[in-house]
Amino acid sequence: LAQKARAAGADFIAISTYNGVALEFIHRLQRSLADAGMTVPIFIGGKLNQVPDASNTSLPVDVSAELRRAGAIPCHQIADMLSSLATLARETSGAGTV
């Protein structure tokens, strides 16, 4: 994904997950992006959960806060991503509205 994003000159990456590995996926993607020399915002939506490493059950827990701390932009609804994209566009263009 990181190499495809670099080849395309992507300004951001948006992914969706529903398999209980959201945080692990973000960490792997960030390492791949660093290896590719890229720094872009990562939007992540879907079921933002993961089974904790120290868990004695197979029940996933919400990892939205951990994703945010890791530098990703959690999006619980598409409107969350659109709002964040509008903010990024304003910040990068210096314009007041998008």
Protein backbone atom coordinates (compact mmCIF):
# COMPACT_ATOMS: atom_id res chain seq x y z
CA LEU A 1 0.00 0.00 0.00
CA ALA A 2 2.81 2.41 0.88
CA GLN A 3 4.59 1.85 -2.43
CA LYS A 4 1.36 2.30 -4.39
CA ALA A 5 0.64 5.51 -2.47
CA ARG A 6 4.13 6.79 -3.22
CA ALA A 7 3.91 5.88 -6.90
CA ALA A 8 0.57 7.68 -7.15
CA GLY A 9 1.82 10.75 -5.26
CA ALA A 10 -0.97 10.31 -2.71
CA ASP A 11 -1.75 13.23 -0.41
CA PHE A 12 -3.37 10.90 2.13
CA ILE A 13 -4.37 7.28 2.66
CA ALA A 14 -7.87 6.17 3.65
CA ILE A 15 -8.45 2.60 4.79
CA SER A 16 -11.24 0.63 6.37
CA THR A 17 -10.90 -2.38 8.62
CA TYR A 18 -13.34 -4.77 10.18
CA ASN A 19 -11.17 -7.65 11.31
CA GLY A 20 -9.92 -6.70 14.76
CA VAL A 21 -6.39 -5.65 13.78
CA ALA A 22 -6.76 -1.88 13.33
CA LEU A 23 -3.85 -0.82 15.54
CA GLU A 24 -1.48 -3.50 14.27
CA PHE A 25 -2.35 -2.54 10.69
CA ILE A 26 -1.63 1.15 11.33
CA HIS A 27 1.75 0.37 12.89
CA ARG A 28 2.72 -1.79 9.91
CA LEU A 29 1.52 0.80 7.42
CA GLN A 30 3.45 3.56 9.20
CA ARG A 31 6.64 1.48 9.08
CA SER A 32 6.10 0.84 5.37
CA LEU A 33 5.48 4.53 4.74
CA ALA A 34 8.66 5.45 6.63
CA ASP A 35 10.62 2.90 4.57
CA ALA A 36 9.18 4.49 1.42
CA GLY A 37 10.13 7.97 2.66
CA MET A 38 6.51 9.11 2.91
CA THR A 39 4.65 11.10 5.51
CA VAL A 40 0.93 11.41 4.74
CA PRO A 41 -2.19 11.51 6.87
CA ILE A 42 -3.82 8.10 7.39
CA PHE A 43 -7.58 8.01 7.79
CA ILE A 44 -8.93 4.77 9.21
CA GLY A 45 -12.56 3.75 9.48
CA GLY A 46 -14.58 0.63 9.94
CA LYS A 47 -14.56 -1.40 13.13
CA LEU A 48 -11.67 0.20 15.01
CA ASN A 49 -10.87 -2.58 17.41
CA GLN A 50 -8.24 -5.15 18.27
CA VAL A 51 -7.76 -8.05 20.64
CA PRO A 52 -5.30 -6.81 23.30
CA ASP A 53 -2.00 -8.70 23.44
CA ALA A 54 -2.39 -9.42 27.15
CA SER A 55 -6.03 -10.51 26.82
CA ASN A 56 -7.11 -13.93 28.02
CA THR A 57 -10.15 -13.77 25.73
CA SER A 58 -10.57 -13.27 22.02
CA LEU A 59 -12.78 -10.22 22.54
CA PRO A 60 -11.58 -7.11 20.72
CA VAL A 61 -11.71 -3.67 22.33
CA ASP A 62 -12.03 -0.22 20.77
CA VAL A 63 -8.61 1.22 19.89
CA SER A 64 -9.67 4.62 18.53
CA ALA A 65 -7.68 6.52 21.16
CA GLU A 66 -4.58 4.40 20.52
CA LEU A 67 -4.93 4.96 16.78
CA ARG A 68 -5.11 8.71 17.36
CA ARG A 69 -2.01 8.58 19.61
CA ALA A 70 -0.22 6.62 16.89
CA GLY A 71 -0.89 9.47 14.47
CA ALA A 72 -3.81 8.03 12.49
CA ILE A 73 -7.11 9.85 12.06
CA PRO A 74 -9.94 7.57 13.26
CA CYS A 75 -13.19 8.04 11.34
CA HIS A 76 -16.30 6.46 12.80
CA GLN A 77 -18.44 7.84 9.97
CA ILE A 78 -17.64 9.09 6.48
CA ALA A 79 -18.56 12.60 7.64
CA ASP A 80 -15.62 12.43 10.09
CA MET A 81 -13.19 11.85 7.23
CA LEU A 82 -14.75 14.55 5.04
CA SER A 83 -14.53 17.08 7.86
CA SER A 84 -10.89 16.19 8.50
CA LEU A 85 -10.09 16.38 4.78
CA ALA A 86 -11.66 19.84 4.59
CA THR A 87 -9.55 20.96 7.55
CA LEU A 88 -6.38 19.56 5.95
CA ALA A 89 -7.21 21.28 2.66
CA ARG A 90 -7.64 24.63 4.43
CA GLU A 91 -4.38 24.18 6.34
CA THR A 92 -2.34 23.22 3.30
CA SER A 93 -3.83 25.78 0.93
CA GLY A 94 -3.98 28.65 3.38
CA ALA A 95 -7.56 29.27 2.25
CA GLY A 96 -10.35 30.09 4.64
CA THR A 97 -12.96 27.78 3.13
CA VAL A 98 -13.08 24.62 1.07
